[in-house]
Amino acid sequence: MTAVLRLFWNICLLRDGPETVPTHTWFLVSLIAAELAMGVVLTAVMYPSLSLALWFNLALINLAVTASIAWFALYLRNCEPRFLATLGAILGTEVLIDAVGALALSATSGVARVTTNWILLVWSVAVVGFILHRALATRLWVGILLSFGIALLGTFVAIALLGRFLVSAV
């Protein structure tokens, strides 16, 4: 277990790439479940006034958009065999970043909370960008730009699908 945590932590620190991530089905299913759970926890910390269903749907939309765009980018570069390792790396690092985020955001308020939120967002975009850069065998800025696009698209899709529920819950 510590080897897996160390692997994902090293990817979060941009030391290792996605090619080192195991691609066993059971491992990826575990990462999907862990990311959904941590996504719900982080969303609950960030938006406590929303319902459990909205927390889960926001986490699910983020996961679906990330996986879809990552697969499509790999498909366009004829790198589909790298998808499972890429997805595993993204999910594993997001679980760690979400855990750090939930702890940090629950311990802060006001300006410190907003600053922490921005730092976590930049860190997440940088890590996913690094993973995509390695998986797509492209320049780092391309991976970061794609990661930023994924984050924006995830937000737009969530607003498009859940906007009226989000507005009524606030």
N, C-alpha and C. Protein backbone atom coordinates (compact mmCIF):
# COMPACT_ATOMS: atom_id res chain seq x y z
N MET A 1 0.82 -1.19 0.00
CA MET A 1 0.00 0.00 0.00
C MET A 1 0.86 1.26 0.00
N THR A 2 1.93 1.23 0.79
CA THR A 2 2.80 2.41 0.83
C THR A 2 3.51 2.60 -0.51
N ALA A 3 3.78 1.52 -1.22
CA ALA A 3 4.41 1.65 -2.54
C ALA A 3 3.48 2.36 -3.51
N VAL A 4 2.19 2.06 -3.43
CA VAL A 4 1.20 2.71 -4.31
C VAL A 4 1.08 4.18 -3.95
N LEU A 5 0.99 4.48 -2.67
CA LEU A 5 0.93 5.89 -2.24
C LEU A 5 2.18 6.65 -2.65
N ARG A 6 3.33 6.02 -2.50
CA ARG A 6 4.59 6.65 -2.90
C ARG A 6 4.62 6.90 -4.40
N LEU A 7 4.13 5.94 -5.18
CA LEU A 7 4.08 6.09 -6.63
C LEU A 7 3.24 7.31 -7.02
N PHE A 8 2.04 7.41 -6.47
CA PHE A 8 1.17 8.54 -6.81
C PHE A 8 1.70 9.86 -6.26
N TRP A 9 2.32 9.81 -5.08
CA TRP A 9 2.90 11.03 -4.53
C TRP A 9 4.04 11.52 -5.43
N ASN A 10 4.86 10.60 -5.92
CA ASN A 10 5.94 10.98 -6.82
C ASN A 10 5.41 11.56 -8.13
N ILE A 11 4.28 11.04 -8.60
CA ILE A 11 3.67 11.64 -9.80
C ILE A 11 3.14 13.03 -9.46
N CYS A 12 2.55 13.20 -8.28
CA CYS A 12 2.07 14.52 -7.85
C CYS A 12 3.21 15.52 -7.77
N LEU A 13 4.40 15.05 -7.47
CA LEU A 13 5.58 15.91 -7.40
C LEU A 13 6.32 15.97 -8.74
N LEU A 14 5.72 15.40 -9.78
CA LEU A 14 6.25 15.41 -11.15
C LEU A 14 7.58 14.67 -11.28
N ARG A 15 7.76 13.64 -10.46
CA ARG A 15 8.99 12.84 -10.50
C ARG A 15 8.84 11.59 -11.37
N ASP A 16 7.66 10.98 -11.35
CA ASP A 16 7.39 9.77 -12.13
C ASP A 16 6.25 10.06 -13.09
N GLY A 17 6.19 9.26 -14.16
CA GLY A 17 5.13 9.43 -15.14
C GLY A 17 4.09 8.34 -15.05
N PRO A 18 3.09 8.41 -15.90
CA PRO A 18 1.99 7.45 -15.86
C PRO A 18 2.40 6.04 -16.29
N GLU A 19 3.51 5.93 -16.96
CA GLU A 19 3.94 4.61 -17.45
C GLU A 19 4.27 3.65 -16.31
N THR A 20 4.42 4.14 -15.08
CA THR A 20 4.76 3.29 -13.94
C THR A 20 3.53 2.80 -13.18
N VAL A 21 2.34 3.20 -13.62
CA VAL A 21 1.10 2.87 -12.91
C VAL A 21 0.58 1.50 -13.37
N PRO A 22 0.21 0.63 -12.44
CA PRO A 22 -0.38 -0.67 -12.82
C PRO A 22 -1.70 -0.49 -13.56
N THR A 23 -2.00 -1.41 -14.46
CA THR A 23 -3.22 -1.29 -15.27
C THR A 23 -4.18 -2.46 -15.06
N HIS A 24 -4.07 -3.14 -13.95
CA HIS A 24 -4.99 -4.24 -13.66
C HIS A 24 -6.41 -3.70 -13.49
N THR A 25 -7.38 -4.45 -13.96
CA THR A 25 -8.78 -4.02 -13.89
C THR A 25 -9.21 -3.72 -12.46
N TRP A 26 -8.90 -4.62 -11.54
CA TRP A 26 -9.31 -4.42 -10.15
C TRP A 26 -8.68 -3.15 -9.57
N PHE A 27 -7.46 -2.84 -10.00
CA PHE A 27 -6.78 -1.65 -9.50
C PHE A 27 -7.46 -0.38 -10.01
N LEU A 28 -7.81 -0.38 -11.30
CA LEU A 28 -8.49 0.78 -11.87
C LEU A 28 -9.89 0.96 -11.28
N VAL A 29 -10.60 -0.12 -11.06
CA VAL A 29 -11.92 -0.03 -10.43
C VAL A 29 -11.78 0.54 -9.02
N SER A 30 -10.76 0.12 -8.30
CA SER A 30 -10.51 0.66 -6.95
C SER A 30 -10.20 2.15 -7.01
N LEU A 31 -9.41 2.56 -8.01
CA LEU A 31 -9.08 3.98 -8.15
C LEU A 31 -10.32 4.80 -8.52
N ILE A 32 -11.18 4.25 -9.37
CA ILE A 32 -12.42 4.95 -9.73
C ILE A 32 -13.28 5.14 -8.49
N ALA A 33 -13.44 4.08 -7.70
CA ALA A 33 -14.24 4.18 -6.47
C ALA A 33 -13.62 5.16 -5.49
N ALA A 34 -12.29 5.11 -5.34
CA ALA A 34 -11.62 6.03 -4.42
C ALA A 34 -11.75 7.48 -4.89
N GLU A 35 -11.63 7.72 -6.19
CA GLU A 35 -11.75 9.08 -6.71
C GLU A 35 -13.18 9.60 -6.55
N LEU A 36 -14.17 8.75 -6.80
CA LEU A 36 -15.55 9.18 -6.58
C LEU A 36 -15.79 9.52 -5.12
N ALA A 37 -15.28 8.68 -4.22
CA ALA A 37 -15.45 8.92 -2.79
C ALA A 37 -14.74 10.21 -2.37
N MET A 38 -13.51 10.38 -2.79
CA MET A 38 -12.77 11.59 -2.40
C MET A 38 -13.33 12.83 -3.09
N GLY A 39 -13.84 12.66 -4.30
CA GLY A 39 -14.50 13.77 -4.98
C GLY A 39 -15.73 14.24 -4.22
N VAL A 40 -16.49 13.28 -3.70
CA VAL A 40 -17.67 13.61 -2.90
C VAL A 40 -17.24 14.32 -1.61
N VAL A 41 -16.22 13.81 -0.96
CA VAL A 41 -15.74 14.43 0.28
C VAL A 41 -15.26 15.85 0.02
N LEU A 42 -14.44 16.04 -1.01
CA LEU A 42 -13.93 17.38 -1.31
C LEU A 42 -15.06 18.33 -1.68
N THR A 43 -16.01 17.87 -2.48
CA THR A 43 -17.14 18.71 -2.86
C THR A 43 -17.98 19.06 -1.64
N ALA A 44 -18.13 18.12 -0.73
CA ALA A 44 -18.88 18.38 0.50
C ALA A 44 -18.19 19.43 1.36
N VAL A 45 -16.86 19.39 1.41
CA VAL A 45 -16.12 20.39 2.17
C VAL A 45 -16.22 21.75 1.50
N MET A 46 -16.16 21.77 0.17
CA MET A 46 -16.19 23.04 -0.56
C MET A 46 -17.59 23.65 -0.59
N TYR A 47 -18.61 22.80 -0.74
CA TYR A 47 -19.99 23.27 -0.88
C TYR A 47 -20.89 22.51 0.10
N PRO A 48 -20.82 22.81 1.37
CA PRO A 48 -21.59 22.04 2.37
C PRO A 48 -23.10 22.20 2.24
N SER A 49 -23.57 23.22 1.54
CA SER A 49 -25.02 23.42 1.43
C SER A 49 -25.67 22.53 0.38
N LEU A 50 -24.87 21.87 -0.45
CA LEU A 50 -25.43 21.00 -1.48
C LEU A 50 -25.80 19.64 -0.90
N SER A 51 -26.60 18.89 -1.64
CA SER A 51 -27.02 17.56 -1.19
C SER A 51 -26.00 16.50 -1.58
N LEU A 52 -26.14 15.33 -0.97
CA LEU A 52 -25.27 14.21 -1.29
C LEU A 52 -25.37 13.84 -2.77
N ALA A 53 -26.57 13.87 -3.31
CA ALA A 53 -26.76 13.54 -4.73
C ALA A 53 -25.99 14.51 -5.63
N LEU A 54 -26.01 15.79 -5.29
CA LEU A 54 -25.26 16.77 -6.09
C LEU A 54 -23.76 16.58 -5.92
N TRP A 55 -23.30 16.29 -4.70
CA TRP A 55 -21.88 16.02 -4.49
C TRP A 55 -21.43 14.86 -5.35
N PHE A 56 -22.22 13.78 -5.34
CA PHE A 56 -21.87 12.60 -6.12
C PHE A 56 -21.90 12.90 -7.62
N ASN A 57 -22.93 13.60 -8.08
CA ASN A 57 -23.04 13.92 -9.51
C ASN A 57 -21.89 14.82 -9.97
N LEU A 58 -21.49 15.77 -9.16
CA LEU A 58 -20.36 16.63 -9.52
C LEU A 58 -19.07 15.81 -9.64
N ALA A 59 -18.86 14.90 -8.70
CA ALA A 59 -17.67 14.04 -8.76
C ALA A 59 -17.72 13.12 -9.98
N LEU A 60 -18.90 12.58 -10.28
CA LEU A 60 -19.06 11.70 -11.43
C LEU A 60 -18.85 12.44 -12.75
N ILE A 61 -19.37 13.64 -12.86
CA ILE A 61 -19.19 14.43 -14.07
C ILE A 61 -17.71 14.74 -14.28
N ASN A 62 -17.03 15.13 -13.20
CA ASN A 62 -15.60 15.42 -13.30
C ASN A 62 -14.83 14.19 -13.79
N LEU A 63 -15.14 13.04 -13.23
CA LEU A 63 -14.47 11.80 -13.63
C LEU A 63 -14.76 11.46 -15.08
N ALA A 64 -16.01 11.56 -15.49
CA ALA A 64 -16.40 11.20 -16.87
C ALA A 64 -15.76 12.13 -17.89
N VAL A 65 -15.76 13.42 -17.61
CA VAL A 65 -15.16 14.38 -18.55
C VAL A 65 -13.65 14.15 -18.64
N THR A 66 -13.01 13.96 -17.52
CA THR A 66 -11.56 13.72 -17.52
C THR A 66 -11.20 12.47 -18.30
N ALA A 67 -11.89 11.38 -18.03
CA ALA A 67 -11.60 10.12 -18.73
C ALA A 67 -11.89 10.23 -20.22
N SER A 68 -12.99 10.88 -20.58
CA SER A 68 -13.36 11.00 -21.99
C SER A 68 -12.35 11.82 -22.78
N ILE A 69 -11.98 12.96 -22.25
CA ILE A 69 -11.04 13.83 -22.97
C ILE A 69 -9.66 13.18 -23.02
N ALA A 70 -9.24 12.55 -21.94
CA ALA A 70 -7.94 11.87 -21.95
C ALA A 70 -7.93 10.78 -23.02
N TRP A 71 -8.99 9.97 -23.06
CA TRP A 71 -9.05 8.92 -24.07
C TRP A 71 -9.03 9.52 -25.48
N PHE A 72 -9.81 10.56 -25.71
CA PHE A 72 -9.89 11.17 -27.04
C PHE A 72 -8.54 11.75 -27.46
N ALA A 73 -7.85 12.40 -26.54
CA ALA A 73 -6.52 12.95 -26.87
C ALA A 73 -5.54 11.82 -27.21
N LEU A 74 -5.58 10.74 -26.44
CA LEU A 74 -4.71 9.59 -26.73
C LEU A 74 -5.09 8.96 -28.06
N TYR A 75 -6.37 8.90 -28.36
CA TYR A 75 -6.84 8.35 -29.62
C TYR A 75 -6.32 9.17 -30.80
N LEU A 76 -6.40 10.48 -30.67
CA LEU A 76 -5.93 11.35 -31.75
C LEU A 76 -4.43 11.20 -32.01
N ARG A 77 -3.67 10.86 -30.97
CA ARG A 77 -2.22 10.69 -31.11
C ARG A 77 -1.84 9.22 -31.33
N ASN A 78 -2.83 8.36 -31.57
CA ASN A 78 -2.60 6.91 -31.75
C ASN A 78 -1.87 6.29 -30.56
N CYS A 79 -2.27 6.69 -29.37
CA CYS A 79 -1.65 6.20 -28.14
C CYS A 79 -2.69 5.53 -27.23
N GLU A 80 -3.75 4.96 -27.81
CA GLU A 80 -4.81 4.36 -27.00
C GLU A 80 -4.32 3.31 -26.01
N PRO A 81 -3.27 2.52 -26.34
CA PRO A 81 -2.82 1.54 -25.35
C PRO A 81 -2.34 2.16 -24.04
N ARG A 82 -2.04 3.44 -24.03
CA ARG A 82 -1.59 4.12 -22.83
C ARG A 82 -2.74 4.62 -21.96
N PHE A 83 -3.98 4.41 -22.41
CA PHE A 83 -5.12 4.99 -21.70
C PHE A 83 -5.26 4.48 -20.27
N LEU A 84 -5.16 3.18 -20.06
CA LEU A 84 -5.38 2.64 -18.71
C LEU A 84 -4.35 3.17 -17.72
N ALA A 85 -3.09 3.21 -18.12
CA ALA A 85 -2.06 3.75 -17.23
C ALA A 85 -2.26 5.24 -17.01
N THR A 86 -2.65 5.96 -18.06
CA THR A 86 -2.90 7.40 -17.95
C THR A 86 -4.06 7.67 -17.02
N LEU A 87 -5.15 6.96 -17.22
CA LEU A 87 -6.32 7.13 -16.36
C LEU A 87 -5.98 6.77 -14.92
N GLY A 88 -5.26 5.69 -14.74
CA GLY A 88 -4.85 5.29 -13.39
C GLY A 88 -4.01 6.36 -12.71
N ALA A 89 -3.08 6.94 -13.46
CA ALA A 89 -2.23 8.00 -12.90
C ALA A 89 -3.07 9.22 -12.53
N ILE A 90 -3.98 9.60 -13.42
CA ILE A 90 -4.83 10.77 -13.14
C ILE A 90 -5.69 10.50 -11.91
N LEU A 91 -6.32 9.34 -11.85
CA LEU A 91 -7.20 9.03 -10.72
C LEU A 91 -6.43 8.95 -9.41
N GLY A 92 -5.30 8.27 -9.43
CA GLY A 92 -4.51 8.12 -8.20
C GLY A 92 -4.00 9.44 -7.67
N THR A 93 -3.54 10.30 -8.56
CA THR A 93 -3.05 11.60 -8.10
C THR A 93 -4.20 12.49 -7.65
N GLU A 94 -5.33 12.40 -8.33
CA GLU A 94 -6.49 13.21 -7.92
C GLU A 94 -7.01 12.76 -6.55
N VAL A 95 -6.93 11.48 -6.25
CA VAL A 95 -7.34 11.01 -4.91
C VAL A 95 -6.46 11.67 -3.85
N LEU A 96 -5.16 11.70 -4.09
CA LEU A 96 -4.25 12.32 -3.12
C LEU A 96 -4.48 13.83 -3.02
N ILE A 97 -4.61 14.49 -4.16
CA ILE A 97 -4.83 15.94 -4.14
C ILE A 97 -6.17 16.27 -3.49
N ASP A 98 -7.20 15.47 -3.76
CA ASP A 98 -8.50 15.68 -3.12
C ASP A 98 -8.41 15.50 -1.62
N ALA A 99 -7.64 14.50 -1.17
CA ALA A 99 -7.49 14.26 0.27
C ALA A 99 -6.77 15.44 0.93
N VAL A 100 -5.69 15.89 0.31
CA VAL A 100 -4.98 17.06 0.83
C VAL A 100 -5.91 18.28 0.83
N GLY A 101 -6.66 18.42 -0.25
CA GLY A 101 -7.59 19.54 -0.37
C GLY A 101 -8.67 19.52 0.69
N ALA A 102 -9.26 18.36 0.93
CA ALA A 102 -10.32 18.27 1.94
C ALA A 102 -9.78 18.63 3.32
N LEU A 103 -8.59 18.14 3.64
CA LEU A 103 -7.99 18.47 4.94
C LEU A 103 -7.64 19.96 5.04
N ALA A 104 -7.03 20.49 3.98
CA ALA A 104 -6.61 21.89 4.01
C ALA A 104 -7.80 22.83 4.01
N LEU A 105 -8.81 22.55 3.20
CA LEU A 105 -9.96 23.45 3.13
C LEU A 105 -10.82 23.40 4.38
N SER A 106 -10.88 22.25 5.03
CA SER A 106 -11.67 22.16 6.26
C SER A 106 -10.97 22.87 7.42
N ALA A 107 -9.67 23.11 7.29
CA ALA A 107 -8.92 23.77 8.36
C ALA A 107 -8.75 25.27 8.12
N THR A 108 -9.27 25.78 7.01
CA THR A 108 -9.09 27.19 6.70
C THR A 108 -10.44 27.87 6.49
N SER A 109 -10.40 29.19 6.47
CA SER A 109 -11.60 29.97 6.18
C SER A 109 -11.18 31.31 5.58
N GLY A 110 -12.14 31.99 5.00
CA GLY A 110 -11.89 33.32 4.45
C GLY A 110 -10.89 33.32 3.31
N VAL A 111 -9.97 34.27 3.37
CA VAL A 111 -8.98 34.44 2.30
C VAL A 111 -8.07 33.22 2.21
N ALA A 112 -7.70 32.65 3.34
CA ALA A 112 -6.83 31.47 3.34
C ALA A 112 -7.51 30.31 2.63
N ARG A 113 -8.80 30.17 2.79
CA ARG A 113 -9.54 29.09 2.13
C ARG A 113 -9.57 29.30 0.62
N VAL A 114 -9.82 30.53 0.19
CA VAL A 114 -9.85 30.84 -1.24
C VAL A 114 -8.47 30.63 -1.85
N THR A 115 -7.44 31.08 -1.16
CA THR A 115 -6.07 30.91 -1.64
C THR A 115 -5.71 29.42 -1.73
N THR A 116 -6.08 28.67 -0.71
CA THR A 116 -5.83 27.22 -0.71
C THR A 116 -6.54 26.55 -1.87
N ASN A 117 -7.77 26.95 -2.12
CA ASN A 117 -8.54 26.39 -3.23
C ASN A 117 -7.83 26.64 -4.56
N TRP A 118 -7.34 27.85 -4.77
CA TRP A 118 -6.63 28.18 -6.01
C TRP A 118 -5.32 27.40 -6.13
N ILE A 119 -4.60 27.27 -5.04
CA ILE A 119 -3.35 26.51 -5.06
C ILE A 119 -3.61 25.06 -5.43
N LEU A 120 -4.66 24.48 -4.85
CA LEU A 120 -5.00 23.09 -5.15
C LEU A 120 -5.43 22.93 -6.61
N LEU A 121 -6.17 23.90 -7.14
CA LEU A 121 -6.58 23.85 -8.53
C LEU A 121 -5.37 23.91 -9.46
N VAL A 122 -4.45 24.83 -9.19
CA VAL A 122 -3.25 24.94 -10.02
C VAL A 122 -2.41 23.67 -9.93
N TRP A 123 -2.28 23.12 -8.73
CA TRP A 123 -1.51 21.90 -8.53
C TRP A 123 -2.15 20.75 -9.32
N SER A 124 -3.47 20.62 -9.22
CA SER A 124 -4.18 19.56 -9.93
C SER A 124 -4.01 19.70 -11.45
N VAL A 125 -4.17 20.90 -11.96
CA VAL A 125 -4.02 21.13 -13.40
C VAL A 125 -2.59 20.81 -13.83
N ALA A 126 -1.61 21.21 -13.03
CA ALA A 126 -0.22 20.94 -13.37
C ALA A 126 0.09 19.45 -13.37
N VAL A 127 -0.42 18.73 -12.39
CA VAL A 127 -0.16 17.29 -12.30
C VAL A 127 -0.83 16.54 -13.46
N VAL A 128 -2.10 16.82 -13.71
CA VAL A 128 -2.79 16.16 -14.82
C VAL A 128 -2.13 16.55 -16.15
N GLY A 129 -1.71 17.81 -16.27
CA GLY A 129 -1.00 18.25 -17.46
C GLY A 129 0.31 17.50 -17.66
N PHE A 130 1.03 17.29 -16.56
CA PHE A 130 2.27 16.52 -16.61
C PHE A 130 2.01 15.08 -17.06
N ILE A 131 0.96 14.49 -16.50
CA ILE A 131 0.61 13.11 -16.87
C ILE A 131 0.26 13.04 -18.36
N LEU A 132 -0.56 13.97 -18.83
CA LEU A 132 -0.95 13.98 -20.24
C LEU A 132 0.25 14.26 -21.14
N HIS A 133 1.13 15.13 -20.71
CA HIS A 133 2.36 15.41 -21.47
C HIS A 133 3.17 14.14 -21.66
N ARG A 134 3.32 13.35 -20.60
CA ARG A 134 4.09 12.11 -20.70
C ARG A 134 3.34 11.07 -21.53
N ALA A 135 2.04 10.95 -21.33
CA ALA A 135 1.26 9.94 -22.05
C ALA A 135 1.15 10.25 -23.53
N LEU A 136 1.04 11.52 -23.87
CA LEU A 136 0.89 11.92 -25.27
C LEU A 136 2.22 12.15 -25.96
N ALA A 137 3.33 12.07 -25.21
CA ALA A 137 4.66 12.32 -25.74
C ALA A 137 4.69 13.67 -26.46
N THR A 138 4.26 14.69 -25.75
CA THR A 138 4.20 16.03 -26.30
C THR A 138 4.86 17.00 -25.32
N ARG A 139 4.85 18.25 -25.66
CA ARG A 139 5.45 19.26 -24.79
C ARG A 139 4.60 19.44 -23.53
N LEU A 140 5.26 19.86 -22.46
CA LEU A 140 4.57 20.03 -21.18
C LEU A 140 3.46 21.06 -21.27
N TRP A 141 3.68 22.15 -21.96
CA TRP A 141 2.66 23.19 -22.04
C TRP A 141 1.40 22.68 -22.73
N VAL A 142 1.55 21.74 -23.67
CA VAL A 142 0.38 21.16 -24.34
C VAL A 142 -0.43 20.34 -23.34
N GLY A 143 0.25 19.55 -22.53
CA GLY A 143 -0.43 18.77 -21.50
C GLY A 143 -1.14 19.64 -20.48
N ILE A 144 -0.48 20.72 -20.07
CA ILE A 144 -1.09 21.63 -19.09
C ILE A 144 -2.28 22.35 -19.71
N LEU A 145 -2.15 22.76 -20.96
CA LEU A 145 -3.27 23.41 -21.64
C LEU A 145 -4.46 22.46 -21.77
N LEU A 146 -4.19 21.21 -22.11
CA LEU A 146 -5.25 20.20 -22.21
C LEU A 146 -5.87 19.96 -20.84
N SER A 147 -5.06 19.90 -19.81
CA SER A 147 -5.57 19.71 -18.45
C SER A 147 -6.46 20.88 -18.03
N PHE A 148 -6.05 22.09 -18.35
CA PHE A 148 -6.85 23.27 -18.04
C PHE A 148 -8.18 23.21 -18.80
N GLY A 149 -8.12 22.78 -20.06
CA GLY A 149 -9.34 22.63 -20.85
C GLY A 149 -10.28 21.59 -20.26
N ILE A 150 -9.72 20.51 -19.75
CA ILE A 150 -10.53 19.47 -19.10
C ILE A 150 -11.23 20.05 -17.87
N ALA A 151 -10.50 20.82 -17.07
CA ALA A 151 -11.09 21.43 -15.87
C ALA A 151 -12.22 22.38 -16.25
N LEU A 152 -11.99 23.19 -17.28
CA LEU A 152 -13.04 24.12 -17.72
C LEU A 152 -14.25 23.38 -18.28
N LEU A 153 -13.98 22.40 -19.12
CA LEU A 153 -15.08 21.64 -19.73
C LEU A 153 -15.88 20.91 -18.66
N GLY A 154 -15.20 20.37 -17.66
CA GLY A 154 -15.91 19.71 -16.56
C GLY A 154 -16.84 20.66 -15.84
N THR A 155 -16.38 21.89 -15.64
CA THR A 155 -17.22 22.91 -15.00
C THR A 155 -18.41 23.26 -15.88
N PHE A 156 -18.17 23.45 -17.16
CA PHE A 156 -19.27 23.78 -18.08
C PHE A 156 -20.30 22.66 -18.17
N VAL A 157 -19.83 21.42 -18.23
CA VAL A 157 -20.75 20.28 -18.30
C VAL A 157 -21.56 20.18 -17.01
N ALA A 158 -20.90 20.36 -15.88
CA ALA A 158 -21.62 20.31 -14.59
C ALA A 158 -22.69 21.39 -14.51
N ILE A 159 -22.34 22.59 -14.96
CA ILE A 159 -23.33 23.68 -14.94
C ILE A 159 -24.46 23.39 -15.91
N ALA A 160 -24.12 22.87 -17.09
CA ALA A 160 -25.16 22.56 -18.08
C ALA A 160 -26.11 21.48 -17.58
N LEU A 161 -25.57 20.46 -16.91
CA LEU A 161 -26.41 19.35 -16.47
C LEU A 161 -27.08 19.60 -15.12
N LEU A 162 -26.39 20.30 -14.23
CA LEU A 162 -26.90 20.44 -12.87
C LEU A 162 -27.16 21.88 -12.45
N GLY A 163 -27.06 22.81 -13.38
CA GLY A 163 -27.16 24.22 -13.05
C GLY A 163 -28.37 24.61 -12.25
N ARG A 164 -29.55 24.14 -12.65
CA ARG A 164 -30.75 24.55 -11.93
C ARG A 164 -30.80 23.96 -10.52
N PHE A 165 -30.20 22.77 -10.34
CA PHE A 165 -30.15 22.17 -9.01
C PHE A 165 -29.13 22.89 -8.12
N LEU A 166 -28.02 23.30 -8.75
CA LEU A 166 -27.01 24.02 -7.99
C LEU A 166 -27.52 25.38 -7.53
N VAL A 167 -28.23 26.07 -8.41
CA VAL A 167 -28.77 27.38 -8.07
C VAL A 167 -29.82 27.26 -6.97
N SER A 168 -30.68 26.26 -7.07
CA SER A 168 -31.74 26.11 -6.06
C SER A 168 -31.19 25.66 -4.71
N ALA A 169 -30.01 25.02 -4.71
CA ALA A 169 -29.43 24.56 -3.44
C ALA A 169 -28.67 25.65 -2.73
N VAL A 170 -28.29 26.68 -3.44
CA VAL A 170 -27.48 27.75 -2.81
C VAL A 170 -28.31 28.79 -2.18
